[in-house]
Amino acid sequence: MTTRRRTQAERDAIPVEIGYALLSACFLAAVVFGTIAGPAAVWHLPPAFERFLVIAGAWLAGVLAVVRVVHVLWRHERRR
């Protein structure tokens, strides 16, 4: 890591990258949750299985969203 001062363009790029990371993570989480928990909303499944699908979808969506944010921000820092 260097100690040089950042240019204005580099300072302006940081909020854009953070916004992109969060937006893409939300989209990924919504798609993953919909894919896993969607059958529980469409079909009549046993209540225990519906609950399992919703919990598994929420858990996996949350984990993948965090991984996406970290990945995008690390990639941005490496590019610098």
PDB file of N, CA and C in Angstrom:
ATOM      1  N   MET A   1       0.845  -1.162   0.000  1.00  0.00           N
ATOM      2  CA  MET A   1       0.000   0.000   0.000  1.00  0.00           C
ATOM      3  C   MET A   1       0.897   1.234   0.000  1.00  0.00           C
ATOM      4  N   THR A   2       0.582   2.180  -0.839  1.00  0.00           N
ATOM      5  CA  THR A   2       1.385   3.391  -0.941  1.00  0.00           C
ATOM      6  C   THR A   2       0.780   4.492  -0.087  1.00  0.00           C
ATOM      7  N   THR A   3       1.570   5.528   0.153  1.00  0.00           N
ATOM      8  CA  THR A   3       1.097   6.645   0.967  1.00  0.00           C
ATOM      9  C   THR A   3       0.901   7.900   0.127  1.00  0.00           C
ATOM     10  N   ARG A   4       0.830   7.763  -1.184  1.00  0.00           N
ATOM     11  CA  ARG A   4       0.662   8.942  -2.033  1.00  0.00           C
ATOM     12  C   ARG A   4      -0.763   9.473  -1.908  1.00  0.00           C
ATOM     13  N   ARG A   5      -0.937  10.726  -2.244  1.00  0.00           N
ATOM     14  CA  ARG A   5      -2.265  11.354  -2.173  1.00  0.00           C
ATOM     15  C   ARG A   5      -3.096  10.920  -3.374  1.00  0.00           C
ATOM     16  N   ARG A   6      -4.379  10.757  -3.137  1.00  0.00           N
ATOM     17  CA  ARG A   6      -5.290  10.361  -4.216  1.00  0.00           C
ATOM     18  C   ARG A   6      -5.706  11.577  -5.021  1.00  0.00           C
ATOM     19  N   THR A   7      -5.884  11.366  -6.315  1.00  0.00           N
ATOM     20  CA  THR A   7      -6.373  12.448  -7.170  1.00  0.00           C
ATOM     21  C   THR A   7      -7.878  12.602  -6.960  1.00  0.00           C
ATOM     22  N   GLN A   8      -8.410  13.689  -7.481  1.00  0.00           N
ATOM     23  CA  GLN A   8      -9.857  13.923  -7.359  1.00  0.00           C
ATOM     24  C   GLN A   8     -10.640  12.831  -8.087  1.00  0.00           C
ATOM     25  N   ALA A   9     -10.146  12.377  -9.227  1.00  0.00           N
ATOM     26  CA  ALA A   9     -10.833  11.313  -9.970  1.00  0.00           C
ATOM     27  C   ALA A   9     -10.872  10.023  -9.157  1.00  0.00           C
ATOM     28  N   GLU A  10      -9.785   9.717  -8.467  1.00  0.00           N
ATOM     29  CA  GLU A  10      -9.767   8.509  -7.639  1.00  0.00           C
ATOM     30  C   GLU A  10     -10.726   8.643  -6.459  1.00  0.00           C
ATOM     31  N   ARG A  11     -10.788   9.823  -5.866  1.00  0.00           N
ATOM     32  CA  ARG A  11     -11.735  10.037  -4.758  1.00  0.00           C
ATOM     33  C   ARG A  11     -13.174   9.974  -5.247  1.00  0.00           C
ATOM     34  N   ASP A  12     -13.434  10.445  -6.457  1.00  0.00           N
ATOM     35  CA  ASP A  12     -14.793  10.389  -7.003  1.00  0.00           C
ATOM     36  C   ASP A  12     -15.197   8.966  -7.379  1.00  0.00           C
ATOM     37  N   ALA A  13     -14.250   8.131  -7.727  1.00  0.00           N
ATOM     38  CA  ALA A  13     -14.559   6.764  -8.156  1.00  0.00           C
ATOM     39  C   ALA A  13     -14.967   5.873  -6.986  1.00  0.00           C
ATOM     40  N   ILE A  14     -14.531   6.186  -5.797  1.00  0.00           N
ATOM     41  CA  ILE A  14     -14.809   5.327  -4.648  1.00  0.00           C
ATOM     42  C   ILE A  14     -16.309   5.213  -4.360  1.00  0.00           C
ATOM     43  N   PRO A  15     -17.070   6.322  -4.263  1.00  0.00           N
ATOM     44  CA  PRO A  15     -18.520   6.166  -4.013  1.00  0.00           C
ATOM     45  C   PRO A  15     -19.248   5.449  -5.153  1.00  0.00           C
ATOM     46  N   VAL A  16     -18.759   5.638  -6.368  1.00  0.00           N
ATOM     47  CA  VAL A  16     -19.376   4.953  -7.505  1.00  0.00           C
ATOM     48  C   VAL A  16     -19.175   3.447  -7.378  1.00  0.00           C
ATOM     49  N   GLU A  17     -17.972   3.040  -7.007  1.00  0.00           N
ATOM     50  CA  GLU A  17     -17.698   1.609  -6.843  1.00  0.00           C
ATOM     51  C   GLU A  17     -18.494   1.021  -5.681  1.00  0.00           C
ATOM     52  N   ILE A  18     -18.615   1.773  -4.598  1.00  0.00           N
ATOM     53  CA  ILE A  18     -19.402   1.288  -3.461  1.00  0.00           C
ATOM     54  C   ILE A  18     -20.862   1.127  -3.866  1.00  0.00           C
ATOM     55  N   GLY A  19     -21.394   2.112  -4.584  1.00  0.00           N
ATOM     56  CA  GLY A  19     -22.777   2.015  -5.056  1.00  0.00           C
ATOM     57  C   GLY A  19     -22.983   0.845  -5.987  1.00  0.00           C
ATOM     58  N   TYR A  20     -22.032   0.653  -6.910  1.00  0.00           N
ATOM     59  CA  TYR A  20     -22.122  -0.486  -7.832  1.00  0.00           C
ATOM     60  C   TYR A  20     -22.074  -1.804  -7.066  1.00  0.00           C
ATOM     61  N   ALA A  21     -21.170  -1.888  -6.080  1.00  0.00           N
ATOM     62  CA  ALA A  21     -21.040  -3.120  -5.301  1.00  0.00           C
ATOM     63  C   ALA A  21     -22.342  -3.430  -4.567  1.00  0.00           C
ATOM     64  N   LEU A  22     -22.940  -2.420  -3.947  1.00  0.00           N
ATOM     65  CA  LEU A  22     -24.177  -2.648  -3.203  1.00  0.00           C
ATOM     66  C   LEU A  22     -25.347  -2.977  -4.119  1.00  0.00           C
ATOM     67  N   LEU A  23     -25.452  -2.264  -5.234  1.00  0.00           N
ATOM     68  CA  LEU A  23     -26.555  -2.514  -6.158  1.00  0.00           C
ATOM     69  C   LEU A  23     -26.457  -3.902  -6.778  1.00  0.00           C
ATOM     70  N   SER A  24     -25.267  -4.283  -7.215  1.00  0.00           N
ATOM     71  CA  SER A  24     -25.119  -5.607  -7.813  1.00  0.00           C
ATOM     72  C   SER A  24     -25.316  -6.706  -6.768  1.00  0.00           C
ATOM     73  N   ALA A  25     -24.916  -6.439  -5.517  1.00  0.00           N
ATOM     74  CA  ALA A  25     -25.132  -7.424  -4.457  1.00  0.00           C
ATOM     75  C   ALA A  25     -26.619  -7.596  -4.167  1.00  0.00           C
ATOM     76  N   CYS A  26     -27.362  -6.490  -4.157  1.00  0.00           N
ATOM     77  CA  CYS A  26     -28.813  -6.588  -3.938  1.00  0.00           C
ATOM     78  C   CYS A  26     -29.495  -7.355  -5.063  1.00  0.00           C
ATOM     79  N   PHE A  27     -29.078  -7.096  -6.294  1.00  0.00           N
ATOM     80  CA  PHE A  27     -29.656  -7.813  -7.431  1.00  0.00           C
ATOM     81  C   PHE A  27     -29.347  -9.303  -7.337  1.00  0.00           C
ATOM     82  N   LEU A  28     -28.090  -9.629  -7.029  1.00  0.00           N
ATOM     83  CA  LEU A  28     -27.706 -11.039  -6.895  1.00  0.00           C
ATOM     84  C   LEU A  28     -28.503 -11.701  -5.776  1.00  0.00           C
ATOM     85  N   ALA A  29     -28.650 -11.019  -4.649  1.00  0.00           N
ATOM     86  CA  ALA A  29     -29.390 -11.585  -3.523  1.00  0.00           C
ATOM     87  C   ALA A  29     -30.855 -11.817  -3.888  1.00  0.00           C
ATOM     88  N   ALA A  30     -31.449 -10.883  -4.610  1.00  0.00           N
ATOM     89  CA  ALA A  30     -32.849 -11.044  -5.008  1.00  0.00           C
ATOM     90  C   ALA A  30     -33.029 -12.228  -5.955  1.00  0.00           C
ATOM     91  N   VAL A  31     -32.115 -12.382  -6.884  1.00  0.00           N
ATOM     92  CA  VAL A  31     -32.206 -13.501  -7.835  1.00  0.00           C
ATOM     93  C   VAL A  31     -32.025 -14.829  -7.111  1.00  0.00           C
ATOM     94  N   VAL A  32     -31.029 -14.907  -6.241  1.00  0.00           N
ATOM     95  CA  VAL A  32     -30.778 -16.152  -5.512  1.00  0.00           C
ATOM     96  C   VAL A  32     -31.950 -16.486  -4.595  1.00  0.00           C
ATOM     97  N   PHE A  33     -32.433 -15.486  -3.856  1.00  0.00           N
ATOM     98  CA  PHE A  33     -33.569 -15.738  -2.970  1.00  0.00           C
ATOM     99  C   PHE A  33     -34.796 -16.178  -3.770  1.00  0.00           C
ATOM    100  N   GLY A  34     -35.071 -15.505  -4.877  1.00  0.00           N
ATOM    101  CA  GLY A  34     -36.212 -15.878  -5.699  1.00  0.00           C
ATOM    102  C   GLY A  34     -36.096 -17.273  -6.273  1.00  0.00           C
ATOM    103  N   THR A  35     -34.886 -17.649  -6.634  1.00  0.00           N
ATOM    104  CA  THR A  35     -34.668 -18.981  -7.193  1.00  0.00           C
ATOM    105  C   THR A  35     -34.881 -20.074  -6.151  1.00  0.00           C
ATOM    106  N   ILE A  36     -34.397 -19.840  -4.951  1.00  0.00           N
ATOM    107  CA  ILE A  36     -34.487 -20.881  -3.924  1.00  0.00           C
ATOM    108  C   ILE A  36     -35.849 -20.867  -3.226  1.00  0.00           C
ATOM    109  N   ALA A  37     -36.331 -19.689  -2.863  1.00  0.00           N
ATOM    110  CA  ALA A  37     -37.585 -19.615  -2.105  1.00  0.00           C
ATOM    111  C   ALA A  37     -38.808 -19.498  -3.010  1.00  0.00           C
ATOM    112  N   GLY A  38     -38.615 -19.273  -4.279  1.00  0.00           N
ATOM    113  CA  GLY A  38     -39.729 -19.121  -5.207  1.00  0.00           C
ATOM    114  C   GLY A  38     -40.695 -20.285  -5.245  1.00  0.00           C
ATOM    115  N   PRO A  39     -40.208 -21.511  -5.270  1.00  0.00           N
ATOM    116  CA  PRO A  39     -41.144 -22.641  -5.280  1.00  0.00           C
ATOM    117  C   PRO A  39     -42.074 -22.668  -4.074  1.00  0.00           C
ATOM    118  N   ALA A  40     -41.628 -22.140  -2.947  1.00  0.00           N
ATOM    119  CA  ALA A  40     -42.489 -22.113  -1.758  1.00  0.00           C
ATOM    120  C   ALA A  40     -43.670 -21.177  -1.964  1.00  0.00           C
ATOM    121  N   ALA A  41     -43.499 -20.148  -2.786  1.00  0.00           N
ATOM    122  CA  ALA A  41     -44.587 -19.206  -3.036  1.00  0.00           C
ATOM    123  C   ALA A  41     -45.520 -19.694  -4.143  1.00  0.00           C
ATOM    124  N   VAL A  42     -45.008 -20.540  -5.010  1.00  0.00           N
ATOM    125  CA  VAL A  42     -45.792 -20.971  -6.177  1.00  0.00           C
ATOM    126  C   VAL A  42     -46.564 -22.256  -5.910  1.00  0.00           C
ATOM    127  N   TRP A  43     -45.910 -23.233  -5.300  1.00  0.00           N
ATOM    128  CA  TRP A  43     -46.523 -24.535  -5.090  1.00  0.00           C
ATOM    129  C   TRP A  43     -46.944 -24.712  -3.637  1.00  0.00           C
ATOM    130  N   HIS A  44     -47.876 -25.590  -3.423  1.00  0.00           N
ATOM    131  CA  HIS A  44     -48.310 -25.923  -2.071  1.00  0.00           C
ATOM    132  C   HIS A  44     -47.419 -27.050  -1.557  1.00  0.00           C
ATOM    133  N   LEU A  45     -46.481 -26.670  -0.736  1.00  0.00           N
ATOM    134  CA  LEU A  45     -45.525 -27.625  -0.174  1.00  0.00           C
ATOM    135  C   LEU A  45     -45.805 -27.786   1.318  1.00  0.00           C
ATOM    136  N   PRO A  46     -45.261 -28.815   1.913  1.00  0.00           N
ATOM    137  CA  PRO A  46     -45.417 -28.952   3.375  1.00  0.00           C
ATOM    138  C   PRO A  46     -44.827 -27.727   4.078  1.00  0.00           C
ATOM    139  N   PRO A  47     -45.470 -27.268   5.148  1.00  0.00           N
ATOM    140  CA  PRO A  47     -45.015 -26.044   5.834  1.00  0.00           C
ATOM    141  C   PRO A  47     -43.549 -26.082   6.268  1.00  0.00           C
ATOM    142  N   ALA A  48     -43.075 -27.215   6.735  1.00  0.00           N
ATOM    143  CA  ALA A  48     -41.675 -27.313   7.173  1.00  0.00           C
ATOM    144  C   ALA A  48     -40.727 -27.108   5.998  1.00  0.00           C
ATOM    145  N   PHE A  49     -41.076 -27.650   4.849  1.00  0.00           N
ATOM    146  CA  PHE A  49     -40.227 -27.507   3.668  1.00  0.00           C
ATOM    147  C   PHE A  49     -40.272 -26.077   3.134  1.00  0.00           C
ATOM    148  N   GLU A  50     -41.458 -25.452   3.182  1.00  0.00           N
ATOM    149  CA  GLU A  50     -41.555 -24.045   2.766  1.00  0.00           C
ATOM    150  C   GLU A  50     -40.669 -23.176   3.647  1.00  0.00           C
ATOM    151  N   ARG A  51     -40.735 -23.414   4.954  1.00  0.00           N
ATOM    152  CA  ARG A  51     -39.905 -22.641   5.892  1.00  0.00           C
ATOM    153  C   ARG A  51     -38.421 -22.876   5.611  1.00  0.00           C
ATOM    154  N   PHE A  52     -38.046 -24.104   5.348  1.00  0.00           N
ATOM    155  CA  PHE A  52     -36.654 -24.418   5.035  1.00  0.00           C
ATOM    156  C   PHE A  52     -36.195 -23.675   3.781  1.00  0.00           C
ATOM    157  N   LEU A  53     -37.020 -23.668   2.735  1.00  0.00           N
ATOM    158  CA  LEU A  53     -36.640 -22.984   1.505  1.00  0.00           C
ATOM    159  C   LEU A  53     -36.466 -21.480   1.717  1.00  0.00           C
ATOM    160  N   VAL A  54     -37.350 -20.872   2.481  1.00  0.00           N
ATOM    161  CA  VAL A  54     -37.252 -19.434   2.740  1.00  0.00           C
ATOM    162  C   VAL A  54     -36.004 -19.119   3.563  1.00  0.00           C
ATOM    163  N   ILE A  55     -35.743 -19.899   4.588  1.00  0.00           N
ATOM    164  CA  ILE A  55     -34.560 -19.658   5.426  1.00  0.00           C
ATOM    165  C   ILE A  55     -33.282 -19.917   4.635  1.00  0.00           C
ATOM    166  N   ALA A  56     -33.242 -21.002   3.881  1.00  0.00           N
ATOM    167  CA  ALA A  56     -32.050 -21.304   3.088  1.00  0.00           C
ATOM    168  C   ALA A  56     -31.825 -20.235   2.021  1.00  0.00           C
ATOM    169  N   GLY A  57     -32.896 -19.772   1.392  1.00  0.00           N
ATOM    170  CA  GLY A  57     -32.757 -18.724   0.382  1.00  0.00           C
ATOM    171  C   GLY A  57     -32.261 -17.424   0.973  1.00  0.00           C
ATOM    172  N   ALA A  58     -32.787 -17.043   2.134  1.00  0.00           N
ATOM    173  CA  ALA A  58     -32.349 -15.804   2.781  1.00  0.00           C
ATOM    174  C   ALA A  58     -30.899 -15.910   3.238  1.00  0.00           C
ATOM    175  N   TRP A  59     -30.532 -17.033   3.804  1.00  0.00           N
ATOM    176  CA  TRP A  59     -29.161 -17.215   4.283  1.00  0.00           C
ATOM    177  C   TRP A  59     -28.173 -17.170   3.126  1.00  0.00           C
ATOM    178  N   LEU A  60     -28.449 -17.942   2.077  1.00  0.00           N
ATOM    179  CA  LEU A  60     -27.540 -17.982   0.935  1.00  0.00           C
ATOM    180  C   LEU A  60     -27.489 -16.643   0.211  1.00  0.00           C
ATOM    181  N   ALA A  61     -28.608 -15.974   0.085  1.00  0.00           N
ATOM    182  CA  ALA A  61     -28.631 -14.658  -0.556  1.00  0.00           C
ATOM    183  C   ALA A  61     -27.795 -13.657   0.232  1.00  0.00           C
ATOM    184  N   GLY A  62     -27.902 -13.682   1.540  1.00  0.00           N
ATOM    185  CA  GLY A  62     -27.105 -12.778   2.373  1.00  0.00           C
ATOM    186  C   GLY A  62     -25.618 -13.044   2.261  1.00  0.00           C
ATOM    187  N   VAL A  63     -25.242 -14.301   2.311  1.00  0.00           N
ATOM    188  CA  VAL A  63     -23.821 -14.661   2.198  1.00  0.00           C
ATOM    189  C   VAL A  63     -23.271 -14.249   0.834  1.00  0.00           C
ATOM    190  N   LEU A  64     -23.993 -14.536  -0.226  1.00  0.00           N
ATOM    191  CA  LEU A  64     -23.511 -14.182  -1.560  1.00  0.00           C
ATOM    192  C   LEU A  64     -23.474 -12.674  -1.767  1.00  0.00           C
ATOM    193  N   ALA A  65     -24.375 -11.929  -1.158  1.00  0.00           N
ATOM    194  CA  ALA A  65     -24.348 -10.472  -1.263  1.00  0.00           C
ATOM    195  C   ALA A  65     -23.081  -9.909  -0.612  1.00  0.00           C
ATOM    196  N   VAL A  66     -22.744 -10.422   0.553  1.00  0.00           N
ATOM    197  CA  VAL A  66     -21.517  -9.965   1.227  1.00  0.00           C
ATOM    198  C   VAL A  66     -20.290 -10.326   0.406  1.00  0.00           C
ATOM    199  N   VAL A  67     -20.262 -11.533  -0.128  1.00  0.00           N
ATOM    200  CA  VAL A  67     -19.134 -11.955  -0.964  1.00  0.00           C
ATOM    201  C   VAL A  67     -19.021 -11.065  -2.199  1.00  0.00           C
ATOM    202  N   ARG A  68     -20.146 -10.702  -2.791  1.00  0.00           N
ATOM    203  CA  ARG A  68     -20.137  -9.833  -3.973  1.00  0.00           C
ATOM    204  C   ARG A  68     -19.575  -8.451  -3.653  1.00  0.00           C
ATOM    205  N   VAL A  69     -19.990  -7.863  -2.545  1.00  0.00           N
ATOM    206  CA  VAL A  69     -19.500  -6.539  -2.160  1.00  0.00           C
ATOM    207  C   VAL A  69     -17.990  -6.583  -1.928  1.00  0.00           C
ATOM    208  N   VAL A  70     -17.540  -7.572  -1.191  1.00  0.00           N
ATOM    209  CA  VAL A  70     -16.103  -7.695  -0.909  1.00  0.00           C
ATOM    210  C   VAL A  70     -15.323  -7.896  -2.204  1.00  0.00           C
ATOM    211  N   HIS A  71     -15.821  -8.738  -3.087  1.00  0.00           N
ATOM    212  CA  HIS A  71     -15.137  -9.005  -4.351  1.00  0.00           C
ATOM    213  C   HIS A  71     -15.011  -7.740  -5.207  1.00  0.00           C
ATOM    214  N   VAL A  72     -16.087  -7.007  -5.354  1.00  0.00           N
ATOM    215  CA  VAL A  72     -16.062  -5.796  -6.184  1.00  0.00           C
ATOM    216  C   VAL A  72     -15.118  -4.761  -5.593  1.00  0.00           C
ATOM    217  N   LEU A  73     -15.159  -4.562  -4.290  1.00  0.00           N
ATOM    218  CA  LEU A  73     -14.306  -3.547  -3.685  1.00  0.00           C
ATOM    219  C   LEU A  73     -12.837  -3.955  -3.685  1.00  0.00           C
ATOM    220  N   TRP A  74     -12.542  -5.223  -3.487  1.00  0.00           N
ATOM    221  CA  TRP A  74     -11.148  -5.661  -3.587  1.00  0.00           C
ATOM    222  C   TRP A  74     -10.632  -5.522  -5.013  1.00  0.00           C
ATOM    223  N   ARG A  75     -11.470  -5.861  -5.973  1.00  0.00           N
ATOM    224  CA  ARG A  75     -11.063  -5.728  -7.378  1.00  0.00           C
ATOM    225  C   ARG A  75     -10.793  -4.270  -7.728  1.00  0.00           C
ATOM    226  N   HIS A  76     -11.610  -3.370  -7.198  1.00  0.00           N
ATOM    227  CA  HIS A  76     -11.399  -1.934  -7.445  1.00  0.00           C
ATOM    228  C   HIS A  76     -10.071  -1.479  -6.835  1.00  0.00           C
ATOM    229  N   GLU A  77      -9.769  -1.940  -5.641  1.00  0.00           N
ATOM    230  CA  GLU A  77      -8.517  -1.540  -4.992  1.00  0.00           C
ATOM    231  C   GLU A  77      -7.304  -2.095  -5.732  1.00  0.00           C
ATOM    232  N   ARG A  78      -7.391  -3.313  -6.231  1.00  0.00           N
ATOM    233  CA  ARG A  78      -6.272  -3.903  -7.002  1.00  0.00           C
ATOM    234  C   ARG A  78      -6.049  -3.145  -8.298  1.00  0.00           C
ATOM    235  N   ARG A  79      -7.134  -2.678  -8.928  1.00  0.00           N
ATOM    236  CA  ARG A  79      -7.026  -1.946 -10.193  1.00  0.00           C
ATOM    237  C   ARG A  79      -6.297  -0.636  -9.998  1.00  0.00           C
ATOM    238  N   ARG A  80      -6.456  -0.046  -8.828  1.00  0.00           N
ATOM    239  CA  ARG A  80      -5.782   1.207  -8.535  1.00  0.00           C
ATOM    240  C   ARG A  80      -4.320   0.956  -8.503  1.00  0.00           C
TER     241      ARG A  80
END
